[in-house]
Amino acid sequence: MQRNFCVIILLLMSVFFFSCSESSPSGRGTGEVILTVQKKPGDKAFAVSYQESVAEVENGIKKDCLCKALGFRVAQQIAKKWHDNVLRVYEIKGIRTGWYTPGIRELFSKVIGMDPGKITAGKNASPKVNLSLQDNWFVVLFHDNTRMEIRPNPEIYTRRYFKLRAALERGEKDLYLSEIMEERAKIEKKFRENSAGALFRVSR
């Protein structure tokens, strides 16, 4: 009887394991929600999670910071330069971007551990209030004299998002709050459920 009980327990554990795997973000397993980082040569690599990296609290409401979410997925794309998908911070000379927002700078400096001085605004970068899809680019320069240019697929943001975002930046919060929250929810879902490879185009 004890043997039968152990078999039942093992079966229940296996069912739980596979059900968790299938319900993980994007249905592709837990790999998409983890970024592995190595700051210096010889340092032990460490993992950072998507959920913890992008979460923020504003006016008592917990939500995803879309700029941090963008930065996290871009960082995952950068990590593909190496065969083991470990983001080697020390091999990055600098990152220029048209999307030079506090969330991007915080993600790369505080979460990943890059020198903030290596994250710079691209030439003619738009002010935060006027950001558009054309500003959503990243050029990564490496110490081996290679580069990587990362741009989002056009459908990464909804059509109304930028218009509503600009209104929110101008302080028209009460007028557009419900609409912007609906648009944000759609984009949060895209960043959460899609891999970096599905969200961006890369050229070298």
C-alpha atoms as a PDB file:
ATOM      1  CA  MET A   1       0.000   0.000   0.000  1.00  0.00           C
ATOM      2  CA  GLN A   2       2.856   2.344   0.818  1.00  0.00           C
ATOM      3  CA  ARG A   3       4.352   1.656  -2.599  1.00  0.00           C
ATOM      4  CA  ASN A   4       1.046   2.508  -4.300  1.00  0.00           C
ATOM      5  CA  PHE A   5       0.864   5.726  -2.306  1.00  0.00           C
ATOM      6  CA  CYS A   6       4.361   6.733  -3.479  1.00  0.00           C
ATOM      7  CA  VAL A   7       3.428   6.021  -7.088  1.00  0.00           C
ATOM      8  CA  ILE A   8       0.321   8.206  -6.772  1.00  0.00           C
ATOM      9  CA  ILE A   9       2.398  11.042  -5.297  1.00  0.00           C
ATOM     10  CA  LEU A  10       4.921  10.823  -8.139  1.00  0.00           C
ATOM     11  CA  LEU A  11       2.142  10.885 -10.733  1.00  0.00           C
ATOM     12  CA  LEU A  12       0.561  13.953  -9.123  1.00  0.00           C
ATOM     13  CA  MET A  13       3.937  15.724  -9.052  1.00  0.00           C
ATOM     14  CA  SER A  14       4.554  15.007 -12.726  1.00  0.00           C
ATOM     15  CA  VAL A  15       1.094  16.318 -13.672  1.00  0.00           C
ATOM     16  CA  PHE A  16       1.751  19.501 -11.686  1.00  0.00           C
ATOM     17  CA  PHE A  17       5.182  19.985 -13.293  1.00  0.00           C
ATOM     18  CA  PHE A  18       3.937  19.653 -16.861  1.00  0.00           C
ATOM     19  CA  SER A  19       0.875  21.814 -16.276  1.00  0.00           C
ATOM     20  CA  CYS A  20       3.111  24.587 -14.897  1.00  0.00           C
ATOM     21  CA  SER A  21       5.420  24.313 -17.890  1.00  0.00           C
ATOM     22  CA  GLU A  22       2.572  24.569 -20.342  1.00  0.00           C
ATOM     23  CA  SER A  23       1.080  27.602 -18.632  1.00  0.00           C
ATOM     24  CA  SER A  24       4.326  29.559 -18.491  1.00  0.00           C
ATOM     25  CA  PRO A  25       4.512  32.874 -20.412  1.00  0.00           C
ATOM     26  CA  SER A  26       4.393  32.440 -24.190  1.00  0.00           C
ATOM     27  CA  GLY A  27       3.921  28.681 -23.794  1.00  0.00           C
ATOM     28  CA  ARG A  28       7.629  28.185 -24.467  1.00  0.00           C
ATOM     29  CA  GLY A  29       8.810  27.316 -20.955  1.00  0.00           C
ATOM     30  CA  THR A  30      10.507  29.507 -18.371  1.00  0.00           C
ATOM     31  CA  GLY A  31      13.494  30.424 -20.534  1.00  0.00           C
ATOM     32  CA  GLU A  32      11.755  33.465 -21.995  1.00  0.00           C
ATOM     33  CA  VAL A  33      11.274  35.133 -18.615  1.00  0.00           C
ATOM     34  CA  ILE A  34      14.907  34.881 -17.498  1.00  0.00           C
ATOM     35  CA  LEU A  35      17.959  36.874 -18.557  1.00  0.00           C
ATOM     36  CA  THR A  36      21.398  35.592 -17.569  1.00  0.00           C
ATOM     37  CA  VAL A  37      24.060  38.266 -17.003  1.00  0.00           C
ATOM     38  CA  GLN A  38      27.808  38.296 -16.390  1.00  0.00           C
ATOM     39  CA  LYS A  39      29.228  41.668 -15.351  1.00  0.00           C
ATOM     40  CA  LYS A  40      32.979  40.996 -15.435  1.00  0.00           C
ATOM     41  CA  PRO A  41      35.271  38.260 -16.775  1.00  0.00           C
ATOM     42  CA  GLY A  42      35.476  35.462 -14.237  1.00  0.00           C
ATOM     43  CA  ASP A  43      32.387  36.649 -12.351  1.00  0.00           C
ATOM     44  CA  LYS A  44      29.644  34.148 -11.694  1.00  0.00           C
ATOM     45  CA  ALA A  45      26.704  34.709 -14.043  1.00  0.00           C
ATOM     46  CA  PHE A  46      23.410  35.589 -12.391  1.00  0.00           C
ATOM     47  CA  ALA A  47      19.801  35.435 -13.518  1.00  0.00           C
ATOM     48  CA  VAL A  48      17.270  38.260 -13.470  1.00  0.00           C
ATOM     49  CA  SER A  49      13.580  37.655 -14.020  1.00  0.00           C
ATOM     50  CA  TYR A  50      11.268  39.537 -16.324  1.00  0.00           C
ATOM     51  CA  GLN A  51       8.577  39.980 -13.685  1.00  0.00           C
ATOM     52  CA  GLU A  52      10.878  41.462 -11.058  1.00  0.00           C
ATOM     53  CA  SER A  53      12.782  43.624 -13.536  1.00  0.00           C
ATOM     54  CA  VAL A  54       9.789  45.399 -15.088  1.00  0.00           C
ATOM     55  CA  ALA A  55       7.467  45.758 -12.094  1.00  0.00           C
ATOM     56  CA  GLU A  56       6.771  49.216 -10.679  1.00  0.00           C
ATOM     57  CA  VAL A  57       4.251  50.768  -8.327  1.00  0.00           C
ATOM     58  CA  GLU A  58       2.571  54.060  -9.230  1.00  0.00           C
ATOM     59  CA  ASN A  59      -0.049  55.649  -6.988  1.00  0.00           C
ATOM     60  CA  GLY A  60      -0.367  52.368  -5.123  1.00  0.00           C
ATOM     61  CA  ILE A  61      -1.050  50.422  -8.328  1.00  0.00           C
ATOM     62  CA  LYS A  62       1.374  47.692  -9.386  1.00  0.00           C
ATOM     63  CA  LYS A  63       1.997  47.509 -13.120  1.00  0.00           C
ATOM     64  CA  ASP A  64       4.654  46.753 -15.709  1.00  0.00           C
ATOM     65  CA  CYS A  65       6.899  49.613 -16.794  1.00  0.00           C
ATOM     66  CA  LEU A  66       6.726  49.387 -20.580  1.00  0.00           C
ATOM     67  CA  CYS A  67      10.157  50.980 -21.011  1.00  0.00           C
ATOM     68  CA  LYS A  68      11.731  48.445 -18.658  1.00  0.00           C
ATOM     69  CA  ALA A  69       9.873  45.664 -20.469  1.00  0.00           C
ATOM     70  CA  LEU A  70      11.264  46.969 -23.749  1.00  0.00           C
ATOM     71  CA  GLY A  71      14.763  47.125 -22.270  1.00  0.00           C
ATOM     72  CA  PHE A  72      14.539  43.599 -20.878  1.00  0.00           C
ATOM     73  CA  ARG A  73      13.546  42.099 -24.230  1.00  0.00           C
ATOM     74  CA  VAL A  74      16.246  44.134 -26.005  1.00  0.00           C
ATOM     75  CA  ALA A  75      18.798  42.823 -23.489  1.00  0.00           C
ATOM     76  CA  GLN A  76      17.674  39.261 -24.237  1.00  0.00           C
ATOM     77  CA  GLN A  77      18.184  39.973 -27.926  1.00  0.00           C
ATOM     78  CA  ILE A  78      21.690  41.308 -27.248  1.00  0.00           C
ATOM     79  CA  ALA A  79      22.496  38.146 -25.273  1.00  0.00           C
ATOM     80  CA  LYS A  80      21.974  36.111 -28.445  1.00  0.00           C
ATOM     81  CA  LYS A  81      25.354  37.370 -29.640  1.00  0.00           C
ATOM     82  CA  TRP A  82      26.901  34.647 -27.477  1.00  0.00           C
ATOM     83  CA  HIS A  83      26.238  30.942 -27.997  1.00  0.00           C
ATOM     84  CA  ASP A  84      25.168  30.411 -24.374  1.00  0.00           C
ATOM     85  CA  ASN A  85      22.834  33.444 -24.299  1.00  0.00           C
ATOM     86  CA  VAL A  86      24.721  34.984 -21.373  1.00  0.00           C
ATOM     87  CA  LEU A  87      24.761  38.772 -21.611  1.00  0.00           C
ATOM     88  CA  ARG A  88      28.408  39.733 -21.125  1.00  0.00           C
ATOM     89  CA  VAL A  89      28.176  43.307 -19.907  1.00  0.00           C
ATOM     90  CA  TYR A  90      31.951  43.803 -20.042  1.00  0.00           C
ATOM     91  CA  GLU A  91      32.023  43.129 -23.792  1.00  0.00           C
ATOM     92  CA  ILE A  92      29.582  45.962 -24.547  1.00  0.00           C
ATOM     93  CA  LYS A  93      31.265  49.240 -25.444  1.00  0.00           C
ATOM     94  CA  GLY A  94      28.042  51.244 -25.443  1.00  0.00           C
ATOM     95  CA  ILE A  95      24.372  51.439 -26.365  1.00  0.00           C
ATOM     96  CA  ARG A  96      22.842  54.320 -28.311  1.00  0.00           C
ATOM     97  CA  THR A  97      19.077  54.615 -28.501  1.00  0.00           C
ATOM     98  CA  GLY A  98      16.320  56.889 -29.687  1.00  0.00           C
ATOM     99  CA  TRP A  99      14.219  55.628 -26.769  1.00  0.00           C
ATOM    100  CA  TYR A 100      16.267  57.348 -24.073  1.00  0.00           C
ATOM    101  CA  THR A 101      13.853  57.162 -21.150  1.00  0.00           C
ATOM    102  CA  PRO A 102      14.435  56.724 -17.390  1.00  0.00           C
ATOM    103  CA  GLY A 103      13.036  53.170 -17.571  1.00  0.00           C
ATOM    104  CA  ILE A 104      15.544  52.155 -20.240  1.00  0.00           C
ATOM    105  CA  ARG A 105      18.468  53.680 -18.334  1.00  0.00           C
ATOM    106  CA  GLU A 106      17.354  52.038 -15.084  1.00  0.00           C
ATOM    107  CA  LEU A 107      16.953  48.608 -16.675  1.00  0.00           C
ATOM    108  CA  PHE A 108      20.409  48.608 -18.231  1.00  0.00           C
ATOM    109  CA  SER A 109      22.244  50.257 -15.335  1.00  0.00           C
ATOM    110  CA  LYS A 110      20.523  49.044 -12.148  1.00  0.00           C
ATOM    111  CA  VAL A 111      19.182  45.653 -13.245  1.00  0.00           C
ATOM    112  CA  ILE A 112      21.894  44.545 -15.673  1.00  0.00           C
ATOM    113  CA  GLY A 113      24.763  46.510 -14.159  1.00  0.00           C
ATOM    114  CA  MET A 114      26.049  48.555 -17.080  1.00  0.00           C
ATOM    115  CA  ASP A 115      27.898  51.809 -16.520  1.00  0.00           C
ATOM    116  CA  PRO A 116      25.165  54.477 -17.001  1.00  0.00           C
ATOM    117  CA  GLY A 117      27.614  56.534 -19.051  1.00  0.00           C
ATOM    118  CA  LYS A 118      27.603  53.832 -21.729  1.00  0.00           C
ATOM    119  CA  ILE A 119      23.880  54.295 -22.383  1.00  0.00           C
ATOM    120  CA  THR A 120      23.415  57.396 -24.521  1.00  0.00           C
ATOM    121  CA  ALA A 121      20.743  59.150 -26.545  1.00  0.00           C
ATOM    122  CA  GLY A 122      21.078  58.846 -30.291  1.00  0.00           C
ATOM    123  CA  LYS A 123      21.507  61.891 -32.485  1.00  0.00           C
ATOM    124  CA  ASN A 124      18.204  63.772 -32.915  1.00  0.00           C
ATOM    125  CA  ALA A 125      16.465  61.578 -30.324  1.00  0.00           C
ATOM    126  CA  SER A 126      12.946  62.856 -29.704  1.00  0.00           C
ATOM    127  CA  PRO A 127      11.856  64.335 -26.380  1.00  0.00           C
ATOM    128  CA  LYS A 128      10.057  61.851 -24.165  1.00  0.00           C
ATOM    129  CA  VAL A 129       6.618  63.317 -24.925  1.00  0.00           C
ATOM    130  CA  ASN A 130       7.079  62.966 -28.701  1.00  0.00           C
ATOM    131  CA  LEU A 131       8.395  59.409 -28.909  1.00  0.00           C
ATOM    132  CA  SER A 132       7.244  57.395 -31.903  1.00  0.00           C
ATOM    133  CA  LEU A 133       7.957  54.010 -33.425  1.00  0.00           C
ATOM    134  CA  GLN A 134      10.823  55.591 -35.405  1.00  0.00           C
ATOM    135  CA  ASP A 135      12.585  56.416 -32.117  1.00  0.00           C
ATOM    136  CA  ASN A 136      12.418  52.821 -30.933  1.00  0.00           C
ATOM    137  CA  TRP A 137      15.874  51.686 -32.032  1.00  0.00           C
ATOM    138  CA  PHE A 138      18.999  50.489 -30.269  1.00  0.00           C
ATOM    139  CA  VAL A 139      22.553  50.322 -31.625  1.00  0.00           C
ATOM    140  CA  VAL A 140      24.851  48.157 -29.534  1.00  0.00           C
ATOM    141  CA  LEU A 141      28.618  48.524 -29.979  1.00  0.00           C
ATOM    142  CA  PHE A 142      30.933  45.755 -28.781  1.00  0.00           C
ATOM    143  CA  HIS A 143      34.606  45.786 -27.864  1.00  0.00           C
ATOM    144  CA  ASP A 144      35.356  43.323 -30.671  1.00  0.00           C
ATOM    145  CA  ASN A 145      34.380  46.130 -33.105  1.00  0.00           C
ATOM    146  CA  THR A 146      31.089  44.491 -34.095  1.00  0.00           C
ATOM    147  CA  ARG A 147      27.679  46.096 -33.755  1.00  0.00           C
ATOM    148  CA  MET A 148      24.053  45.106 -33.502  1.00  0.00           C
ATOM    149  CA  GLU A 149      21.078  47.251 -34.500  1.00  0.00           C
ATOM    150  CA  ILE A 150      17.754  46.332 -32.928  1.00  0.00           C
ATOM    151  CA  ARG A 151      14.394  47.679 -34.073  1.00  0.00           C
ATOM    152  CA  PRO A 152      10.903  46.565 -33.080  1.00  0.00           C
ATOM    153  CA  ASN A 153       8.433  44.938 -35.404  1.00  0.00           C
ATOM    154  CA  PRO A 154       5.818  47.572 -36.380  1.00  0.00           C
ATOM    155  CA  GLU A 155       2.994  45.758 -34.591  1.00  0.00           C
ATOM    156  CA  ILE A 156       4.768  45.827 -31.226  1.00  0.00           C
ATOM    157  CA  TYR A 157       2.666  48.880 -30.243  1.00  0.00           C
ATOM    158  CA  THR A 158      -0.983  49.545 -31.015  1.00  0.00           C
ATOM    159  CA  ARG A 159      -1.972  52.395 -33.355  1.00  0.00           C
ATOM    160  CA  ARG A 160      -3.528  54.507 -30.638  1.00  0.00           C
ATOM    161  CA  TYR A 161      -0.798  53.981 -28.082  1.00  0.00           C
ATOM    162  CA  PHE A 162       1.524  56.812 -29.116  1.00  0.00           C
ATOM    163  CA  LYS A 163      -1.283  59.359 -29.402  1.00  0.00           C
ATOM    164  CA  LEU A 164      -2.618  58.468 -25.978  1.00  0.00           C
ATOM    165  CA  ARG A 165       0.878  58.287 -24.497  1.00  0.00           C
ATOM    166  CA  ALA A 166       1.641  61.820 -25.696  1.00  0.00           C
ATOM    167  CA  ALA A 167      -1.601  63.071 -24.149  1.00  0.00           C
ATOM    168  CA  LEU A 168      -0.669  61.414 -20.872  1.00  0.00           C
ATOM    169  CA  GLU A 169       2.810  63.001 -20.958  1.00  0.00           C
ATOM    170  CA  ARG A 170       1.165  66.410 -21.488  1.00  0.00           C
ATOM    171  CA  GLY A 171      -0.792  65.898 -18.270  1.00  0.00           C
ATOM    172  CA  GLU A 172      -4.146  65.020 -19.827  1.00  0.00           C
ATOM    173  CA  LYS A 173      -4.422  62.025 -17.528  1.00  0.00           C
ATOM    174  CA  ASP A 174      -8.062  62.295 -16.515  1.00  0.00           C
ATOM    175  CA  LEU A 175      -9.225  62.689 -20.101  1.00  0.00           C
ATOM    176  CA  TYR A 176      -7.523  59.612 -21.498  1.00  0.00           C
ATOM    177  CA  LEU A 177      -6.781  57.441 -18.465  1.00  0.00           C
ATOM    178  CA  SER A 178      -9.220  54.608 -19.201  1.00  0.00           C
ATOM    179  CA  GLU A 179      -8.184  54.439 -22.858  1.00  0.00           C
ATOM    180  CA  ILE A 180      -4.459  54.486 -22.165  1.00  0.00           C
ATOM    181  CA  MET A 181      -4.846  51.745 -19.572  1.00  0.00           C
ATOM    182  CA  GLU A 182      -6.592  49.563 -22.159  1.00  0.00           C
ATOM    183  CA  GLU A 183      -3.802  50.164 -24.669  1.00  0.00           C
ATOM    184  CA  ARG A 184      -1.133  49.560 -22.026  1.00  0.00           C
ATOM    185  CA  ALA A 185      -2.712  46.229 -21.102  1.00  0.00           C
ATOM    186  CA  LYS A 186      -2.492  45.060 -24.733  1.00  0.00           C
ATOM    187  CA  ILE A 187       1.178  46.041 -25.002  1.00  0.00           C
ATOM    188  CA  GLU A 188       2.080  44.597 -21.592  1.00  0.00           C
ATOM    189  CA  LYS A 189       0.620  41.300 -22.814  1.00  0.00           C
ATOM    190  CA  LYS A 190       2.739  41.402 -25.992  1.00  0.00           C
ATOM    191  CA  PHE A 191       5.957  42.017 -24.080  1.00  0.00           C
ATOM    192  CA  ARG A 192       5.078  39.419 -21.455  1.00  0.00           C
ATOM    193  CA  GLU A 193       4.011  36.603 -23.778  1.00  0.00           C
ATOM    194  CA  ASN A 194       6.379  36.995 -26.745  1.00  0.00           C
ATOM    195  CA  SER A 195      10.050  36.187 -27.042  1.00  0.00           C
ATOM    196  CA  ALA A 196      12.615  38.840 -27.930  1.00  0.00           C
ATOM    197  CA  GLY A 197      13.041  37.222 -31.331  1.00  0.00           C
ATOM    198  CA  ALA A 198       9.357  37.656 -32.093  1.00  0.00           C
ATOM    199  CA  LEU A 199       9.361  41.328 -31.086  1.00  0.00           C
ATOM    200  CA  PHE A 200      12.449  42.700 -32.835  1.00  0.00           C
ATOM    201  CA  ARG A 201      14.361  42.782 -36.109  1.00  0.00           C
ATOM    202  CA  VAL A 202      18.151  42.623 -35.836  1.00  0.00           C
ATOM    203  CA  SER A 203      20.839  43.703 -38.282  1.00  0.00           C
ATOM    204  CA  ARG A 204      24.603  43.583 -37.903  1.00  0.00           C
END
